[in-house]
Protein backbone atom coordinates (compact mmCIF):
# COMPACT_ATOMS: atom_id res chain seq x y z
CA MET A 1 -0.42 -14.39 -1.62
CA LYS A 2 -3.10 -15.16 0.95
CA LYS A 3 -2.37 -11.88 2.80
CA PHE A 4 -2.43 -9.97 -0.49
CA LEU A 5 -5.89 -11.35 -1.36
CA PHE A 6 -7.09 -10.69 2.19
CA ASP A 7 -6.01 -7.05 1.90
CA LEU A 8 -7.80 -6.78 -1.47
CA PHE A 9 -11.05 -8.20 -0.06
CA PRO A 10 -12.84 -4.82 0.46
CA LEU A 11 -11.71 -3.57 -2.97
CA ILE A 12 -12.99 -6.71 -4.71
CA LEU A 13 -16.33 -6.44 -2.92
CA PHE A 14 -16.51 -2.72 -3.80
CA PHE A 15 -16.07 -3.61 -7.48
CA VAL A 16 -18.66 -6.42 -7.42
CA ALA A 17 -21.21 -4.31 -5.55
CA TYR A 18 -20.71 -1.44 -8.00
CA ARG A 19 -21.37 -3.76 -10.95
CA TYR A 20 -24.68 -4.93 -9.44
CA ALA A 21 -25.82 -1.68 -7.81
CA ASP A 22 -24.27 1.79 -7.62
CA ILE A 23 -21.40 3.78 -6.09
CA TYR A 24 -23.25 4.24 -2.79
CA THR A 25 -23.99 0.55 -2.29
CA ALA A 26 -20.40 -0.25 -3.27
CA THR A 27 -19.10 2.28 -0.74
CA ALA A 28 -21.27 0.82 2.05
CA VAL A 29 -20.04 -2.68 1.16
CA ALA A 30 -16.39 -1.53 1.21
CA ILE A 31 -16.84 0.05 4.65
CA ALA A 32 -18.54 -3.09 6.00
CA ALA A 33 -15.84 -5.35 4.51
CA SER A 34 -13.04 -3.22 6.01
CA VAL A 35 -14.66 -3.30 9.45
CA ALA A 36 -15.21 -7.07 9.11
CA GLN A 37 -11.52 -7.51 8.26
CA LEU A 38 -10.44 -5.79 11.46
CA ILE A 39 -12.93 -7.75 13.54
CA TRP A 40 -11.70 -11.01 12.00
CA LEU A 41 -8.04 -10.10 12.62
CA ARG A 42 -8.77 -9.26 16.25
CA ALA A 43 -10.93 -12.39 16.77
CA THR A 44 -8.26 -14.69 15.36
CA GLY A 45 -5.46 -13.02 17.31
CA LYS A 46 -3.64 -11.89 14.19
CA ARG A 47 -1.61 -8.69 14.18
CA ILE A 48 -3.44 -5.57 13.01
CA GLU A 49 -0.89 -3.50 11.11
CA MET A 50 -0.73 0.28 10.98
CA THR A 51 -1.77 0.16 7.30
CA HIS A 52 -5.02 -1.56 8.32
CA TRP A 53 -5.78 1.23 10.82
CA VAL A 54 -4.98 3.95 8.28
CA ASN A 55 -7.05 2.26 5.57
CA ILE A 56 -10.11 1.75 7.77
CA SER A 57 -9.91 5.33 9.06
CA VAL A 58 -9.82 6.74 5.52
CA ILE A 59 -12.60 4.46 4.19
CA VAL A 60 -14.87 5.19 7.16
CA ILE A 61 -14.31 8.97 6.96
CA PHE A 62 -14.49 9.36 3.17
CA GLY A 63 -16.94 6.53 2.58
CA GLY A 64 -19.10 7.78 5.43
CA ALA A 65 -19.11 11.30 3.94
CA THR A 66 -20.07 9.81 0.56
CA LEU A 67 -23.08 8.06 2.08
CA TRP A 68 -24.11 10.85 4.43
CA LEU A 69 -23.86 13.66 1.86
CA HIS A 70 -24.82 11.42 -1.07
CA SER A 71 -21.84 12.63 -3.09
CA ASP A 72 -19.33 10.41 -4.85
CA VAL A 73 -16.67 13.14 -4.59
CA PHE A 74 -15.50 11.82 -1.21
CA ILE A 75 -15.07 8.18 -2.22
CA LYS A 76 -13.17 9.33 -5.31
CA TRP A 77 -10.76 11.21 -3.05
CA LYS A 78 -10.21 8.14 -0.83
CA PRO A 79 -7.42 6.43 -2.88
CA THR A 80 -5.58 9.74 -3.24
CA VAL A 81 -5.75 10.53 0.47
CA LEU A 82 -4.61 7.01 1.36
CA TYR A 83 -1.70 7.08 -1.11
CA TRP A 84 -0.68 10.59 -0.11
CA LEU A 85 -0.67 9.60 3.56
CA PHE A 86 1.65 6.69 2.75
CA GLY A 87 3.84 8.90 0.58
CA ALA A 88 4.00 11.63 3.23
CA ALA A 89 4.89 9.07 5.91
CA LEU A 90 7.75 7.69 3.81
CA LEU A 91 9.13 11.06 2.76
CA GLY A 92 8.37 12.81 6.05
CA GLY A 93 9.95 10.04 8.09
CA LYS A 94 13.25 10.78 6.39
CA LEU A 95 13.12 14.36 7.74
CA PHE A 96 13.22 12.86 11.23
CA GLY A 97 16.01 10.43 10.40
CA ARG A 98 13.70 7.45 9.93
CA ASN A 99 13.71 5.26 6.87
CA ILE A 100 10.34 3.52 7.00
CA MET A 101 11.16 1.09 4.18
CA ARG A 102 14.23 -0.03 6.11
CA ARG A 103 12.11 -0.52 9.23
CA LEU A 104 9.59 -2.58 7.25
CA LEU A 105 12.01 -4.68 5.19
CA GLY A 106 15.33 -4.45 7.03
CA SER A 107 15.01 -7.89 8.58
CA GLN A 108 14.36 -9.47 5.16
CA ILE A 109 16.90 -7.82 2.86
CA GLU A 110 20.28 -6.17 3.24
CA LEU A 111 21.04 -2.95 1.37
CA SER A 112 23.52 -0.13 1.64
CA ASP A 113 22.37 3.07 3.34
CA ALA A 114 22.22 4.84 -0.04
CA ALA A 115 20.07 2.06 -1.52
CA TRP A 116 17.68 2.19 1.45
CA ASP A 117 17.34 5.95 0.93
CA LYS A 118 16.60 5.49 -2.79
CA LEU A 119 14.08 2.73 -2.06
CA ASN A 120 12.27 4.88 0.50
CA LEU A 121 12.29 7.90 -1.83
CA SER A 122 11.03 5.94 -4.83
CA TRP A 123 8.10 4.45 -2.88
CA GLY A 124 7.21 7.84 -1.43
CA LEU A 125 7.21 9.44 -4.89
CA PHE A 126 5.24 6.52 -6.34
CA PHE A 127 2.46 7.00 -3.79
CA LEU A 128 2.32 10.74 -4.42
CA ALA A 129 2.18 10.19 -8.20
CA ALA A 130 -0.48 7.44 -7.96
CA GLY A 131 -2.63 9.74 -5.82
CA ALA A 132 -2.31 12.52 -8.38
CA ILE A 133 -3.21 10.16 -11.25
CA ASN A 134 -6.31 9.05 -9.33
CA LEU A 135 -7.41 12.69 -9.02
CA TYR A 136 -6.97 13.16 -12.75
CA VAL A 137 -9.06 10.10 -13.63
CA ALA A 138 -11.69 10.97 -11.02
CA PHE A 139 -12.13 14.68 -11.69
CA SER A 140 -10.70 15.70 -15.08
CA GLY A 141 -14.04 15.21 -16.83
CA HIS A 142 -12.47 12.83 -19.37
CA PHE A 143 -13.65 9.66 -17.61
CA THR A 144 -17.02 8.33 -16.46
CA GLU A 145 -17.72 7.09 -12.95
CA SER A 146 -17.59 3.51 -14.25
CA GLN A 147 -14.20 4.14 -15.83
CA TRP A 148 -12.94 5.59 -12.56
CA VAL A 149 -14.13 2.47 -10.67
CA ASN A 150 -12.27 0.27 -13.18
CA PHE A 151 -9.17 2.46 -12.78
CA LYS A 152 -9.42 2.33 -8.97
CA VAL A 153 -9.60 -1.45 -8.99
CA PHE A 154 -7.44 -2.43 -11.97
CA GLY A 155 -5.48 0.68 -13.00
CA LEU A 156 -4.03 1.52 -9.59
CA MET A 157 -3.35 -2.17 -8.95
CA GLY A 158 -1.64 -2.44 -12.34
CA LEU A 159 0.51 0.61 -11.61
CA LEU A 160 1.47 -0.89 -8.27
CA LEU A 161 2.32 -4.24 -9.85
CA VAL A 162 4.51 -2.66 -12.55
CA PHE A 163 6.24 -0.54 -9.89
CA VAL A 164 6.84 -3.58 -7.64
CA ILE A 165 8.36 -5.52 -10.57
CA GLY A 166 10.62 -2.57 -11.38
CA GLN A 167 11.62 -2.26 -7.72
CA SER A 168 12.34 -5.99 -7.54
CA LEU A 169 14.67 -5.77 -10.54
CA TRP A 170 16.38 -2.72 -9.04
CA LEU A 171 16.69 -4.43 -5.63
CA SER A 172 18.27 -7.53 -7.15
CA LYS A 173 21.17 -5.34 -8.34
CA HIS A 174 21.60 -3.57 -5.01
CA MET A 175 21.09 -6.33 -2.46
CA GLN A 176 24.13 -7.11 -0.37
CA HIS A 177 25.02 -10.64 0.51
CA PRO A 178 26.84 -11.59 3.69
CA THR A 179 30.51 -12.16 3.00
CA GLN A 180 31.33 -15.81 2.50
CA PRO A 181 34.77 -17.21 3.41
CA GLU A 182 36.87 -18.08 0.40
CA ALA A 183 37.73 -21.73 -0.30
CA GLY A 184 40.13 -23.07 2.31
CA GLU A 185 39.48 -20.20 4.72
CA THR A 186 38.06 -20.85 8.15
CA PRO A 187 34.90 -18.85 8.74
CA PRO A 188 35.18 -16.30 11.56
CA ARG A 189 34.16 -17.65 14.94
CA GLU A 190 31.01 -16.25 16.45
CA ILE A 191 31.27 -14.97 19.98
CA GLY A 192 29.64 -17.28 22.46
CA LYS A 193 29.85 -20.31 20.15
CA ASP A 194 32.81 -21.96 21.95
């Protein structure tokens, strides 16, 4: 939970800054918060994950363009670009024989090969769909800038939460458990445990 809140830190500050100022101040605050996160991780010796590097790259590029060109178009593209990068990595990795979800979660859960493939595919498609939905809310003309900010903070997070709950229910049906010896059976001996 602590890591989850830490990762949300720039988004929360973006939302608060937007409420008290405007999209440009909020963007500057989000960039500063993302940079501060990385500095704090490095200073405390904590691991900086690839997702942190991708996120800071996208926020600095698209947030920087927003501030430099004074156009909110770029910051509105940021969630879509980030989600599409994640989706492309998941789906593209499969083309090279890599299942990224298995690499991320393989030490924590045990699934069949087919289940790992479905998990990877579903996350990839989720990210692509979430990115497309963001574009619709940002640029369809049906929503205000304030509504887009609310969607970015709460709508995308809500979609992610619903998806994670659905994935958890699906995973609970497909998780494999190590075989247990039946009553009265001697468990197999492990090599090197003599």
